[in-house]
Amino acid sequence: MPAPTSEPPALHDRALQDLSFIRRTMEGVASFTDVPGWGLVGVGATALVAAPMAYRQSDPGGWLTVWLAAAVVGASPGGAAMYAKMRRRMGHGGTLRLSVPARKFLLSFWPATRAVPMMGFGFVALGVLALFVPAANGDPMMALGFGVLHMIFGARIARRHVG
């Protein structure tokens, strides 16, 4: 049997390669936690303020204007919280370093934490409930969905994933 032509890798080098492989694998299966919990709380607070304002509108156009304005205003704290969280991930060179899970999230647009699909289920449940309540209860239903659900799940995400 002929002798191997090259030396096998040193045990130290092999161990470093194995650790590198394990680290990459663990990063690939980690959960993406860049959903801004406090941003969702801000979105929910905006909806809770908008609900009584929308209720006082006398025509459907005014009602829709209030809720559209609330959506624009609500996007501000959510966007600002996401920006702040992304800034914390910036490296020393000022370039954004996304984790493997963050890249996967951005590529797949799949909810990242268990709270996000649970919140989606809450929206669906409230939507089904809204089918059976009188139309006059639309604003309380909007406040529950876009106010209370955002605040509950936003606080949960913020508490579990630091912001």
C-alpha atoms as a PDB file:
ATOM      1  CA  MET A   1       0.000   0.000   0.000  1.00  0.00           C
ATOM      2  CA  PRO A   2       1.510   3.340  -1.016  1.00  0.00           C
ATOM      3  CA  ALA A   3       2.098   6.001   1.614  1.00  0.00           C
ATOM      4  CA  PRO A   4      -0.097   9.141   1.551  1.00  0.00           C
ATOM      5  CA  THR A   5       1.484  11.979  -0.385  1.00  0.00           C
ATOM      6  CA  SER A   6       0.602  14.693   2.108  1.00  0.00           C
ATOM      7  CA  GLU A   7       0.614  14.997   5.859  1.00  0.00           C
ATOM      8  CA  PRO A   8      -2.775  14.859   7.589  1.00  0.00           C
ATOM      9  CA  PRO A   9      -3.848  18.176   9.112  1.00  0.00           C
ATOM     10  CA  ALA A  10      -2.600  18.858  12.593  1.00  0.00           C
ATOM     11  CA  LEU A  11      -5.049  18.108  15.376  1.00  0.00           C
ATOM     12  CA  HIS A  12      -5.222  21.833  16.298  1.00  0.00           C
ATOM     13  CA  ASP A  13      -6.068  22.843  12.726  1.00  0.00           C
ATOM     14  CA  ARG A  14      -8.699  20.120  12.475  1.00  0.00           C
ATOM     15  CA  ALA A  15     -10.277  21.247  15.758  1.00  0.00           C
ATOM     16  CA  LEU A  16     -10.452  24.868  14.524  1.00  0.00           C
ATOM     17  CA  GLN A  17     -12.114  23.733  11.303  1.00  0.00           C
ATOM     18  CA  ASP A  18     -14.644  21.683  13.270  1.00  0.00           C
ATOM     19  CA  LEU A  19     -15.422  24.602  15.598  1.00  0.00           C
ATOM     20  CA  SER A  20     -15.845  26.914  12.622  1.00  0.00           C
ATOM     21  CA  PHE A  21     -18.258  24.455  11.025  1.00  0.00           C
ATOM     22  CA  ILE A  22     -20.229  24.125  14.276  1.00  0.00           C
ATOM     23  CA  ARG A  23     -20.430  27.905  14.677  1.00  0.00           C
ATOM     24  CA  ARG A  24     -21.721  28.401  11.112  1.00  0.00           C
ATOM     25  CA  THR A  25     -24.270  25.650  11.617  1.00  0.00           C
ATOM     26  CA  MET A  26     -25.506  27.113  14.910  1.00  0.00           C
ATOM     27  CA  GLU A  27     -25.801  30.591  13.382  1.00  0.00           C
ATOM     28  CA  GLY A  28     -27.824  29.130  10.551  1.00  0.00           C
ATOM     29  CA  VAL A  29     -30.443  27.644  12.846  1.00  0.00           C
ATOM     30  CA  ALA A  30     -30.674  30.508  15.345  1.00  0.00           C
ATOM     31  CA  SER A  31     -33.813  32.608  15.444  1.00  0.00           C
ATOM     32  CA  PHE A  32     -33.881  36.099  13.990  1.00  0.00           C
ATOM     33  CA  THR A  33     -34.716  38.518  16.801  1.00  0.00           C
ATOM     34  CA  ASP A  34     -34.578  41.881  15.061  1.00  0.00           C
ATOM     35  CA  VAL A  35     -38.319  42.406  15.302  1.00  0.00           C
ATOM     36  CA  PRO A  36     -38.486  45.676  17.286  1.00  0.00           C
ATOM     37  CA  GLY A  37     -40.678  44.911  20.281  1.00  0.00           C
ATOM     38  CA  TRP A  38     -40.815  48.494  21.550  1.00  0.00           C
ATOM     39  CA  GLY A  39     -41.614  49.637  18.024  1.00  0.00           C
ATOM     40  CA  LEU A  40     -44.661  47.358  18.040  1.00  0.00           C
ATOM     41  CA  VAL A  41     -45.708  48.836  21.376  1.00  0.00           C
ATOM     42  CA  GLY A  42     -45.529  52.300  19.755  1.00  0.00           C
ATOM     43  CA  VAL A  43     -47.633  51.087  16.821  1.00  0.00           C
ATOM     44  CA  GLY A  44     -50.200  49.725  19.268  1.00  0.00           C
ATOM     45  CA  ALA A  45     -50.318  52.975  21.231  1.00  0.00           C
ATOM     46  CA  THR A  46     -50.942  54.881  18.000  1.00  0.00           C
ATOM     47  CA  ALA A  47     -53.893  52.620  17.209  1.00  0.00           C
ATOM     48  CA  LEU A  48     -55.352  53.086  20.677  1.00  0.00           C
ATOM     49  CA  VAL A  49     -55.270  56.853  20.187  1.00  0.00           C
ATOM     50  CA  ALA A  50     -56.779  56.566  16.691  1.00  0.00           C
ATOM     51  CA  ALA A  51     -59.737  54.364  17.681  1.00  0.00           C
ATOM     52  CA  PRO A  52     -61.741  57.038  19.566  1.00  0.00           C
ATOM     53  CA  MET A  53     -60.860  59.623  16.909  1.00  0.00           C
ATOM     54  CA  ALA A  54     -62.150  57.322  14.156  1.00  0.00           C
ATOM     55  CA  TYR A  55     -65.288  56.588  16.154  1.00  0.00           C
ATOM     56  CA  ARG A  56     -66.189  60.289  16.179  1.00  0.00           C
ATOM     57  CA  GLN A  57     -66.060  60.590  12.383  1.00  0.00           C
ATOM     58  CA  SER A  58     -69.427  61.099  10.738  1.00  0.00           C
ATOM     59  CA  ASP A  59     -68.580  59.723   7.299  1.00  0.00           C
ATOM     60  CA  PRO A  60     -66.603  56.685   6.052  1.00  0.00           C
ATOM     61  CA  GLY A  61     -64.038  58.931   4.326  1.00  0.00           C
ATOM     62  CA  GLY A  62     -63.127  60.623   7.600  1.00  0.00           C
ATOM     63  CA  TRP A  63     -62.931  57.263   9.348  1.00  0.00           C
ATOM     64  CA  LEU A  64     -60.595  55.894   6.689  1.00  0.00           C
ATOM     65  CA  THR A  65     -58.462  59.058   6.820  1.00  0.00           C
ATOM     66  CA  VAL A  66     -57.969  58.659  10.581  1.00  0.00           C
ATOM     67  CA  TRP A  67     -56.895  55.032  10.243  1.00  0.00           C
ATOM     68  CA  LEU A  68     -54.593  55.737   7.287  1.00  0.00           C
ATOM     69  CA  ALA A  69     -52.989  58.602   9.212  1.00  0.00           C
ATOM     70  CA  ALA A  70     -52.589  56.259  12.192  1.00  0.00           C
ATOM     71  CA  ALA A  71     -50.856  53.738   9.928  1.00  0.00           C
ATOM     72  CA  VAL A  72     -48.409  56.390   8.707  1.00  0.00           C
ATOM     73  CA  VAL A  73     -47.784  57.715  12.226  1.00  0.00           C
ATOM     74  CA  GLY A  74     -47.532  54.168  13.609  1.00  0.00           C
ATOM     75  CA  ALA A  75     -44.903  53.254  11.051  1.00  0.00           C
ATOM     76  CA  SER A  76     -42.627  55.944  12.482  1.00  0.00           C
ATOM     77  CA  PRO A  77     -41.895  54.347  15.874  1.00  0.00           C
ATOM     78  CA  GLY A  78     -41.724  50.912  14.282  1.00  0.00           C
ATOM     79  CA  GLY A  79     -39.275  52.089  11.638  1.00  0.00           C
ATOM     80  CA  ALA A  80     -37.228  54.073  14.141  1.00  0.00           C
ATOM     81  CA  ALA A  81     -36.985  51.072  16.478  1.00  0.00           C
ATOM     82  CA  MET A  82     -35.911  48.817  13.603  1.00  0.00           C
ATOM     83  CA  TYR A  83     -33.314  51.389  12.524  1.00  0.00           C
ATOM     84  CA  ALA A  84     -31.958  51.664  16.089  1.00  0.00           C
ATOM     85  CA  LYS A  85     -31.733  47.899  16.391  1.00  0.00           C
ATOM     86  CA  MET A  86     -29.954  47.645  13.029  1.00  0.00           C
ATOM     87  CA  ARG A  87     -27.504  50.411  14.049  1.00  0.00           C
ATOM     88  CA  ARG A  88     -26.515  48.367  17.084  1.00  0.00           C
ATOM     89  CA  ARG A  89     -25.536  45.561  14.708  1.00  0.00           C
ATOM     90  CA  MET A  90     -23.172  47.816  12.743  1.00  0.00           C
ATOM     91  CA  GLY A  91     -19.544  46.919  12.935  1.00  0.00           C
ATOM     92  CA  HIS A  92     -16.654  49.240  13.716  1.00  0.00           C
ATOM     93  CA  GLY A  93     -16.285  50.063  10.039  1.00  0.00           C
ATOM     94  CA  GLY A  94     -19.840  51.363   9.834  1.00  0.00           C
ATOM     95  CA  THR A  95     -21.053  48.482   7.695  1.00  0.00           C
ATOM     96  CA  LEU A  96     -24.105  46.504   8.663  1.00  0.00           C
ATOM     97  CA  ARG A  97     -23.301  42.959   9.690  1.00  0.00           C
ATOM     98  CA  LEU A  98     -26.397  40.821   9.450  1.00  0.00           C
ATOM     99  CA  SER A  99     -26.401  37.450  11.098  1.00  0.00           C
ATOM    100  CA  VAL A 100     -27.133  34.368   9.032  1.00  0.00           C
ATOM    101  CA  PRO A 101     -30.678  34.226  10.433  1.00  0.00           C
ATOM    102  CA  ALA A 102     -31.238  37.905   9.577  1.00  0.00           C
ATOM    103  CA  ARG A 103     -30.159  37.326   6.003  1.00  0.00           C
ATOM    104  CA  LYS A 104     -32.432  34.304   5.782  1.00  0.00           C
ATOM    105  CA  PHE A 105     -35.283  36.376   7.172  1.00  0.00           C
ATOM    106  CA  LEU A 106     -34.810  39.154   4.675  1.00  0.00           C
ATOM    107  CA  LEU A 107     -34.642  36.667   1.842  1.00  0.00           C
ATOM    108  CA  SER A 108     -37.622  34.589   2.855  1.00  0.00           C
ATOM    109  CA  PHE A 109     -39.904  37.128   4.611  1.00  0.00           C
ATOM    110  CA  TRP A 110     -40.988  34.411   7.003  1.00  0.00           C
ATOM    111  CA  PRO A 111     -41.894  35.466  10.555  1.00  0.00           C
ATOM    112  CA  ALA A 112     -38.859  35.308  12.752  1.00  0.00           C
ATOM    113  CA  THR A 113     -40.026  34.699  16.273  1.00  0.00           C
ATOM    114  CA  ARG A 114     -42.860  32.584  17.549  1.00  0.00           C
ATOM    115  CA  ALA A 115     -44.631  35.756  18.630  1.00  0.00           C
ATOM    116  CA  VAL A 116     -45.081  36.971  15.047  1.00  0.00           C
ATOM    117  CA  PRO A 117     -47.153  33.984  13.815  1.00  0.00           C
ATOM    118  CA  MET A 118     -49.058  34.031  17.116  1.00  0.00           C
ATOM    119  CA  MET A 119     -49.879  37.697  16.549  1.00  0.00           C
ATOM    120  CA  GLY A 120     -51.012  36.820  13.025  1.00  0.00           C
ATOM    121  CA  PHE A 121     -53.313  34.190  14.481  1.00  0.00           C
ATOM    122  CA  GLY A 122     -54.669  36.869  16.817  1.00  0.00           C
ATOM    123  CA  PHE A 123     -55.437  39.099  13.825  1.00  0.00           C
ATOM    124  CA  VAL A 124     -57.233  36.243  12.087  1.00  0.00           C
ATOM    125  CA  ALA A 125     -59.230  35.429  15.241  1.00  0.00           C
ATOM    126  CA  LEU A 126     -60.278  39.069  15.648  1.00  0.00           C
ATOM    127  CA  GLY A 127     -61.205  39.194  11.970  1.00  0.00           C
ATOM    128  CA  VAL A 128     -63.470  36.187  12.377  1.00  0.00           C
ATOM    129  CA  LEU A 129     -64.969  37.716  15.530  1.00  0.00           C
ATOM    130  CA  ALA A 130     -65.556  40.981  13.639  1.00  0.00           C
ATOM    131  CA  LEU A 131     -67.788  39.091  11.225  1.00  0.00           C
ATOM    132  CA  PHE A 132     -70.236  38.438  14.034  1.00  0.00           C
ATOM    133  CA  VAL A 133     -70.295  41.772  15.875  1.00  0.00           C
ATOM    134  CA  PRO A 134     -72.341  44.783  14.783  1.00  0.00           C
ATOM    135  CA  ALA A 135     -70.649  47.258  12.461  1.00  0.00           C
ATOM    136  CA  ALA A 136     -70.854  49.915  15.190  1.00  0.00           C
ATOM    137  CA  ASN A 137     -68.162  47.971  17.079  1.00  0.00           C
ATOM    138  CA  GLY A 138     -65.597  48.415  14.302  1.00  0.00           C
ATOM    139  CA  ASP A 139     -63.456  50.931  16.157  1.00  0.00           C
ATOM    140  CA  PRO A 140     -63.134  48.832  19.317  1.00  0.00           C
ATOM    141  CA  MET A 141     -62.191  45.872  17.119  1.00  0.00           C
ATOM    142  CA  MET A 142     -59.536  48.004  15.364  1.00  0.00           C
ATOM    143  CA  ALA A 143     -58.250  49.129  18.765  1.00  0.00           C
ATOM    144  CA  LEU A 144     -58.049  45.511  19.930  1.00  0.00           C
ATOM    145  CA  GLY A 145     -56.285  44.333  16.800  1.00  0.00           C
ATOM    146  CA  PHE A 146     -53.946  47.143  15.956  1.00  0.00           C
ATOM    147  CA  GLY A 147     -53.621  48.517  19.461  1.00  0.00           C
ATOM    148  CA  VAL A 148     -53.759  45.802  22.071  1.00  0.00           C
ATOM    149  CA  LEU A 149     -52.301  42.953  19.979  1.00  0.00           C
ATOM    150  CA  HIS A 150     -49.340  45.089  18.878  1.00  0.00           C
ATOM    151  CA  MET A 151     -48.677  46.224  22.435  1.00  0.00           C
ATOM    152  CA  ILE A 152     -48.916  42.745  23.973  1.00  0.00           C
ATOM    153  CA  PHE A 153     -46.726  41.030  21.410  1.00  0.00           C
ATOM    154  CA  GLY A 154     -44.378  44.010  21.140  1.00  0.00           C
ATOM    155  CA  ALA A 155     -43.752  43.940  24.888  1.00  0.00           C
ATOM    156  CA  ARG A 156     -43.244  40.169  24.749  1.00  0.00           C
ATOM    157  CA  ILE A 157     -40.706  40.461  21.943  1.00  0.00           C
ATOM    158  CA  ALA A 158     -38.961  43.383  23.640  1.00  0.00           C
ATOM    159  CA  ARG A 159     -38.694  41.499  26.919  1.00  0.00           C
ATOM    160  CA  ARG A 160     -37.443  38.257  25.368  1.00  0.00           C
ATOM    161  CA  HIS A 161     -35.154  39.705  22.704  1.00  0.00           C
ATOM    162  CA  VAL A 162     -33.870  42.945  24.287  1.00  0.00           C
ATOM    163  CA  GLY A 163     -35.705  45.675  22.437  1.00  0.00           C
END
